[in-house]
PDB file of N, CA and C in Angstrom:
ATOM      1  N   MET A   1     -27.372 -18.563   1.132  1.00  0.00           N
ATOM      2  CA  MET A   1     -26.201 -18.391   1.921  1.00  0.00           C
ATOM      3  C   MET A   1     -25.880 -19.536   2.621  1.00  0.00           C
ATOM      4  N   LYS A   2     -24.478 -19.982   2.718  1.00  0.00           N
ATOM      5  CA  LYS A   2     -24.321 -21.140   3.074  1.00  0.00           C
ATOM      6  C   LYS A   2     -23.190 -20.850   4.391  1.00  0.00           C
ATOM      7  N   LYS A   3     -23.529 -21.775   5.587  1.00  0.00           N
ATOM      8  CA  LYS A   3     -22.530 -21.866   6.446  1.00  0.00           C
ATOM      9  C   LYS A   3     -21.338 -22.882   6.292  1.00  0.00           C
ATOM     10  N   ARG A   4     -20.156 -22.430   6.515  1.00  0.00           N
ATOM     11  CA  ARG A   4     -18.916 -23.152   6.378  1.00  0.00           C
ATOM     12  C   ARG A   4     -18.163 -23.136   7.552  1.00  0.00           C
ATOM     13  N   SER A   5     -17.490 -24.396   7.833  1.00  0.00           N
ATOM     14  CA  SER A   5     -16.503 -24.387   8.850  1.00  0.00           C
ATOM     15  C   SER A   5     -15.354 -23.993   8.589  1.00  0.00           C
ATOM     16  N   VAL A   6     -14.494 -23.176   9.148  1.00  0.00           N
ATOM     17  CA  VAL A   6     -13.202 -22.968   9.155  1.00  0.00           C
ATOM     18  C   VAL A   6     -12.298 -22.932  10.447  1.00  0.00           C
ATOM     19  N   MET A   7     -11.088 -23.078  10.219  1.00  0.00           N
ATOM     20  CA  MET A   7     -10.208 -23.172  11.280  1.00  0.00           C
ATOM     21  C   MET A   7      -9.469 -21.880  11.542  1.00  0.00           C
ATOM     22  N   ILE A   8      -9.491 -21.235  12.782  1.00  0.00           N
ATOM     23  CA  ILE A   8      -9.040 -19.829  12.982  1.00  0.00           C
ATOM     24  C   ILE A   8      -7.872 -20.321  14.270  1.00  0.00           C
ATOM     25  N   ALA A   9      -6.618 -20.059  13.975  1.00  0.00           N
ATOM     26  CA  ALA A   9      -5.759 -20.297  15.054  1.00  0.00           C
ATOM     27  C   ALA A   9      -5.956 -21.491  15.850  1.00  0.00           C
ATOM     28  N   GLY A  10      -6.482 -22.628  14.923  1.00  0.00           N
ATOM     29  CA  GLY A  10      -6.340 -23.960  15.405  1.00  0.00           C
ATOM     30  C   GLY A  10      -7.973 -24.148  16.129  1.00  0.00           C
ATOM     31  N   HIS A  11      -8.810 -23.224  15.998  1.00  0.00           N
ATOM     32  CA  HIS A  11     -10.026 -23.222  16.544  1.00  0.00           C
ATOM     33  C   HIS A  11     -11.170 -23.312  15.620  1.00  0.00           C
ATOM     34  N   PRO A  12     -12.085 -24.151  15.423  1.00  0.00           N
ATOM     35  CA  PRO A  12     -12.995 -24.145  14.537  1.00  0.00           C
ATOM     36  C   PRO A  12     -14.044 -23.031  14.690  1.00  0.00           C
ATOM     37  N   THR A  13     -14.550 -22.530  13.479  1.00  0.00           N
ATOM     38  CA  THR A  13     -15.706 -21.463  13.779  1.00  0.00           C
ATOM     39  C   THR A  13     -16.516 -21.616  12.148  1.00  0.00           C
ATOM     40  N   SER A  14     -17.567 -21.017  12.259  1.00  0.00           N
ATOM     41  CA  SER A  14     -18.244 -21.020  10.859  1.00  0.00           C
ATOM     42  C   SER A  14     -18.458 -19.584  10.446  1.00  0.00           C
ATOM     43  N   VAL A  15     -18.435 -19.425   8.990  1.00  0.00           N
ATOM     44  CA  VAL A  15     -18.870 -18.187   8.424  1.00  0.00           C
ATOM     45  C   VAL A  15     -19.968 -18.341   7.485  1.00  0.00           C
ATOM     46  N   SER A  16     -20.738 -17.518   7.610  1.00  0.00           N
ATOM     47  CA  SER A  16     -21.969 -17.521   6.471  1.00  0.00           C
ATOM     48  C   SER A  16     -21.660 -16.503   5.267  1.00  0.00           C
ATOM     49  N   LEU A  17     -21.513 -17.218   4.127  1.00  0.00           N
ATOM     50  CA  LEU A  17     -21.333 -16.329   2.999  1.00  0.00           C
ATOM     51  C   LEU A  17     -22.142 -16.808   1.806  1.00  0.00           C
ATOM     52  N   GLU A  18     -22.513 -15.927   0.855  1.00  0.00           N
ATOM     53  CA  GLU A  18     -23.009 -16.213  -0.203  1.00  0.00           C
ATOM     54  C   GLU A  18     -22.150 -16.912  -0.985  1.00  0.00           C
ATOM     55  N   GLU A  19     -22.532 -17.877  -2.195  1.00  0.00           N
ATOM     56  CA  GLU A  19     -21.642 -18.775  -2.875  1.00  0.00           C
ATOM     57  C   GLU A  19     -20.649 -17.897  -3.752  1.00  0.00           C
ATOM     58  N   GLU A  20     -21.291 -16.824  -4.237  1.00  0.00           N
ATOM     59  CA  GLU A  20     -20.517 -15.798  -5.148  1.00  0.00           C
ATOM     60  C   GLU A  20     -19.405 -15.316  -4.217  1.00  0.00           C
ATOM     61  N   PHE A  21     -19.259 -14.882  -3.095  1.00  0.00           N
ATOM     62  CA  PHE A  21     -18.239 -14.281  -1.947  1.00  0.00           C
ATOM     63  C   PHE A  21     -17.291 -15.593  -1.837  1.00  0.00           C
ATOM     64  N   TRP A  22     -17.813 -16.728  -1.694  1.00  0.00           N
ATOM     65  CA  TRP A  22     -17.102 -17.762  -1.405  1.00  0.00           C
ATOM     66  C   TRP A  22     -16.238 -18.142  -2.513  1.00  0.00           C
ATOM     67  N   GLU A  23     -16.695 -18.183  -3.666  1.00  0.00           N
ATOM     68  CA  GLU A  23     -15.693 -18.619  -4.946  1.00  0.00           C
ATOM     69  C   GLU A  23     -14.809 -17.396  -5.318  1.00  0.00           C
ATOM     70  N   ALA A  24     -15.216 -16.196  -5.053  1.00  0.00           N
ATOM     71  CA  ALA A  24     -14.149 -15.103  -5.036  1.00  0.00           C
ATOM     72  C   ALA A  24     -13.104 -15.201  -3.950  1.00  0.00           C
ATOM     73  N   LEU A  25     -13.433 -15.473  -2.810  1.00  0.00           N
ATOM     74  CA  LEU A  25     -12.614 -15.760  -1.699  1.00  0.00           C
ATOM     75  C   LEU A  25     -11.444 -16.699  -2.140  1.00  0.00           C
ATOM     76  N   LYS A  26     -11.950 -17.843  -2.770  1.00  0.00           N
ATOM     77  CA  LYS A  26     -11.088 -18.956  -3.052  1.00  0.00           C
ATOM     78  C   LYS A  26     -10.174 -18.497  -4.088  1.00  0.00           C
ATOM     79  N   GLY A  27     -10.727 -17.572  -5.181  1.00  0.00           N
ATOM     80  CA  GLY A  27      -9.759 -16.923  -6.147  1.00  0.00           C
ATOM     81  C   GLY A  27      -8.697 -16.060  -5.523  1.00  0.00           C
ATOM     82  N   VAL A  28      -8.965 -15.282  -4.666  1.00  0.00           N
ATOM     83  CA  VAL A  28      -8.012 -14.199  -3.817  1.00  0.00           C
ATOM     84  C   VAL A  28      -7.080 -15.080  -3.192  1.00  0.00           C
ATOM     85  N   ALA A  29      -7.336 -16.104  -2.661  1.00  0.00           N
ATOM     86  CA  ALA A  29      -6.457 -17.063  -1.720  1.00  0.00           C
ATOM     87  C   ALA A  29      -5.562 -17.690  -2.942  1.00  0.00           C
ATOM     88  N   GLN A  30      -6.064 -18.279  -3.951  1.00  0.00           N
ATOM     89  CA  GLN A  30      -5.089 -18.760  -5.181  1.00  0.00           C
ATOM     90  C   GLN A  30      -4.329 -17.840  -5.575  1.00  0.00           C
ATOM     91  N   THR A  31      -4.785 -16.584  -5.897  1.00  0.00           N
ATOM     92  CA  THR A  31      -3.798 -15.674  -6.513  1.00  0.00           C
ATOM     93  C   THR A  31      -2.784 -15.284  -5.555  1.00  0.00           C
ATOM     94  N   ARG A  32      -2.905 -15.429  -4.193  1.00  0.00           N
ATOM     95  CA  ARG A  32      -1.921 -15.161  -3.199  1.00  0.00           C
ATOM     96  C   ARG A  32      -1.094 -16.313  -2.830  1.00  0.00           C
ATOM     97  N   GLY A  33      -1.324 -17.249  -3.310  1.00  0.00           N
ATOM     98  CA  GLY A  33      -0.714 -18.584  -2.913  1.00  0.00           C
ATOM     99  C   GLY A  33      -0.990 -19.114  -1.474  1.00  0.00           C
ATOM    100  N   LEU A  34      -2.222 -18.840  -0.967  1.00  0.00           N
ATOM    101  CA  LEU A  34      -2.565 -19.126   0.439  1.00  0.00           C
ATOM    102  C   LEU A  34      -3.768 -20.026   0.325  1.00  0.00           C
ATOM    103  N   SER A  35      -4.082 -20.941   1.262  1.00  0.00           N
ATOM    104  CA  SER A  35      -5.089 -21.796   1.364  1.00  0.00           C
ATOM    105  C   SER A  35      -6.288 -20.678   1.850  1.00  0.00           C
ATOM    106  N   VAL A  36      -7.513 -21.204   1.628  1.00  0.00           N
ATOM    107  CA  VAL A  36      -8.650 -20.195   2.096  1.00  0.00           C
ATOM    108  C   VAL A  36      -8.519 -20.077   3.656  1.00  0.00           C
ATOM    109  N   ASN A  37      -8.121 -21.052   4.414  1.00  0.00           N
ATOM    110  CA  ASN A  37      -7.988 -21.001   5.917  1.00  0.00           C
ATOM    111  C   ASN A  37      -6.957 -19.887   6.120  1.00  0.00           C
ATOM    112  N   ALA A  38      -5.940 -19.826   5.421  1.00  0.00           N
ATOM    113  CA  ALA A  38      -4.962 -19.069   5.887  1.00  0.00           C
ATOM    114  C   ALA A  38      -5.271 -17.500   5.551  1.00  0.00           C
ATOM    115  N   LEU A  39      -5.860 -17.302   4.553  1.00  0.00           N
ATOM    116  CA  LEU A  39      -6.515 -16.169   4.099  1.00  0.00           C
ATOM    117  C   LEU A  39      -7.561 -15.584   5.075  1.00  0.00           C
ATOM    118  N   ILE A  40      -8.146 -16.525   5.502  1.00  0.00           N
ATOM    119  CA  ILE A  40      -9.273 -16.125   6.419  1.00  0.00           C
ATOM    120  C   ILE A  40      -8.721 -15.566   7.961  1.00  0.00           C
ATOM    121  N   GLU A  41      -7.449 -16.385   8.151  1.00  0.00           N
ATOM    122  CA  GLU A  41      -6.945 -16.122   9.377  1.00  0.00           C
ATOM    123  C   GLU A  41      -6.172 -14.795   9.214  1.00  0.00           C
ATOM    124  N   ASP A  42      -5.757 -14.350   8.204  1.00  0.00           N
ATOM    125  CA  ASP A  42      -5.090 -13.081   8.014  1.00  0.00           C
ATOM    126  C   ASP A  42      -6.182 -12.091   8.074  1.00  0.00           C
ATOM    127  N   ILE A  43      -7.557 -12.308   7.357  1.00  0.00           N
ATOM    128  CA  ILE A  43      -8.629 -11.258   7.578  1.00  0.00           C
ATOM    129  C   ILE A  43      -8.818 -11.003   8.997  1.00  0.00           C
ATOM    130  N   ASP A  44      -8.872 -12.189   9.805  1.00  0.00           N
ATOM    131  CA  ASP A  44      -9.440 -12.416  11.156  1.00  0.00           C
ATOM    132  C   ASP A  44      -8.481 -11.296  11.821  1.00  0.00           C
ATOM    133  N   ARG A  45      -7.172 -11.388  11.812  1.00  0.00           N
ATOM    134  CA  ARG A  45      -6.096 -10.621  12.655  1.00  0.00           C
ATOM    135  C   ARG A  45      -6.598  -9.221  12.539  1.00  0.00           C
ATOM    136  N   THR A  46      -7.105  -8.642  11.475  1.00  0.00           N
ATOM    137  CA  THR A  46      -7.175  -7.115  11.078  1.00  0.00           C
ATOM    138  C   THR A  46      -8.533  -6.674  11.242  1.00  0.00           C
ATOM    139  N   ARG A  47      -9.269  -7.575  11.510  1.00  0.00           N
ATOM    140  CA  ARG A  47     -11.001  -7.181  11.296  1.00  0.00           C
ATOM    141  C   ARG A  47     -11.314  -6.286  12.429  1.00  0.00           C
ATOM    142  N   ALA A  48     -12.296  -5.459  12.386  1.00  0.00           N
ATOM    143  CA  ALA A  48     -12.892  -4.815  13.497  1.00  0.00           C
ATOM    144  C   ALA A  48     -14.356  -5.243  13.762  1.00  0.00           C
ATOM    145  N   GLY A  49     -15.177  -5.922  12.973  1.00  0.00           N
ATOM    146  CA  GLY A  49     -16.366  -6.344  13.137  1.00  0.00           C
ATOM    147  C   GLY A  49     -16.588  -7.983  12.898  1.00  0.00           C
ATOM    148  N   ASN A  50     -17.758  -8.077  12.459  1.00  0.00           N
ATOM    149  CA  ASN A  50     -18.232  -9.495  12.104  1.00  0.00           C
ATOM    150  C   ASN A  50     -17.153 -10.100  10.963  1.00  0.00           C
ATOM    151  N   LEU A  51     -16.900 -11.298  11.281  1.00  0.00           N
ATOM    152  CA  LEU A  51     -15.954 -12.094  10.382  1.00  0.00           C
ATOM    153  C   LEU A  51     -16.389 -12.040   8.925  1.00  0.00           C
ATOM    154  N   SER A  52     -17.815 -12.482   8.744  1.00  0.00           N
ATOM    155  CA  SER A  52     -18.284 -12.675   7.531  1.00  0.00           C
ATOM    156  C   SER A  52     -18.412 -11.157   6.703  1.00  0.00           C
ATOM    157  N   SER A  53     -18.801 -10.147   7.292  1.00  0.00           N
ATOM    158  CA  SER A  53     -18.582  -9.040   6.806  1.00  0.00           C
ATOM    159  C   SER A  53     -17.293  -8.824   6.441  1.00  0.00           C
ATOM    160  N   ALA A  54     -16.266  -8.831   7.300  1.00  0.00           N
ATOM    161  CA  ALA A  54     -14.964  -8.437   7.035  1.00  0.00           C
ATOM    162  C   ALA A  54     -14.489  -9.396   5.845  1.00  0.00           C
ATOM    163  N   ILE A  55     -14.750 -10.440   5.554  1.00  0.00           N
ATOM    164  CA  ILE A  55     -14.449 -11.404   4.338  1.00  0.00           C
ATOM    165  C   ILE A  55     -15.216 -10.682   3.204  1.00  0.00           C
ATOM    166  N   ARG A  56     -16.223 -10.521   3.141  1.00  0.00           N
ATOM    167  CA  ARG A  56     -16.906  -9.776   2.037  1.00  0.00           C
ATOM    168  C   ARG A  56     -16.272  -8.502   1.714  1.00  0.00           C
ATOM    169  N   VAL A  57     -15.822  -7.614   2.456  1.00  0.00           N
ATOM    170  CA  VAL A  57     -15.209  -6.321   2.331  1.00  0.00           C
ATOM    171  C   VAL A  57     -13.889  -6.499   1.777  1.00  0.00           C
ATOM    172  N   HIS A  58     -13.113  -7.554   2.207  1.00  0.00           N
ATOM    173  CA  HIS A  58     -11.704  -8.004   1.779  1.00  0.00           C
ATOM    174  C   HIS A  58     -11.722  -8.526   0.540  1.00  0.00           C
ATOM    175  N   VAL A  59     -12.692  -9.385   0.101  1.00  0.00           N
ATOM    176  CA  VAL A  59     -12.981  -9.590  -1.381  1.00  0.00           C
ATOM    177  C   VAL A  59     -13.149  -8.482  -2.148  1.00  0.00           C
ATOM    178  N   LEU A  60     -14.157  -7.723  -1.819  1.00  0.00           N
ATOM    179  CA  LEU A  60     -14.441  -6.574  -2.768  1.00  0.00           C
ATOM    180  C   LEU A  60     -13.226  -5.756  -2.960  1.00  0.00           C
ATOM    181  N   ASN A  61     -12.568  -5.248  -1.757  1.00  0.00           N
ATOM    182  CA  ASN A  61     -11.369  -4.510  -2.216  1.00  0.00           C
ATOM    183  C   ASN A  61     -10.195  -5.220  -2.873  1.00  0.00           C
ATOM    184  N   ALA A  62     -10.195  -6.513  -2.858  1.00  0.00           N
ATOM    185  CA  ALA A  62      -9.180  -7.333  -3.728  1.00  0.00           C
ATOM    186  C   ALA A  62      -9.519  -7.314  -5.033  1.00  0.00           C
ATOM    187  N   LEU A  63     -11.088  -7.430  -5.460  1.00  0.00           N
ATOM    188  CA  LEU A  63     -11.591  -7.313  -6.686  1.00  0.00           C
ATOM    189  C   LEU A  63     -11.263  -5.662  -7.488  1.00  0.00           C
ATOM    190  N   LEU A  64     -11.566  -4.871  -6.487  1.00  0.00           N
ATOM    191  CA  LEU A  64     -11.666  -3.458  -6.907  1.00  0.00           C
ATOM    192  C   LEU A  64     -10.015  -3.001  -7.323  1.00  0.00           C
ATOM    193  N   ASN A  65      -9.242  -3.595  -6.405  1.00  0.00           N
ATOM    194  CA  ASN A  65      -7.805  -3.265  -6.818  1.00  0.00           C
ATOM    195  C   ASN A  65      -7.291  -3.863  -7.790  1.00  0.00           C
ATOM    196  N   ARG A  66      -7.953  -5.073  -8.498  1.00  0.00           N
ATOM    197  CA  ARG A  66      -7.543  -5.908  -9.515  1.00  0.00           C
ATOM    198  C   ARG A  66      -7.795  -5.061 -10.978  1.00  0.00           C
ATOM    199  N   ALA A  67      -8.883  -4.284 -10.754  1.00  0.00           N
ATOM    200  CA  ALA A  67      -9.519  -3.511 -11.786  1.00  0.00           C
ATOM    201  C   ALA A  67      -8.735  -2.223 -12.346  1.00  0.00           C
TER     202      ALA A  67
END
């Protein structure tokens, strides 16, 4: 697991994600025509808990909806 710095609403924060989730997140962002930071900001606006967990759930749902 690796910590990465991202900007949310102009403020730096860090998220810890496994490399597989980070790569899948980049793919979801690209499919939607967004930067990774923009997608994370979208996820952050609707999350109920931990940001890293919310990102994992978002990636999982995106992949399940594609199948």
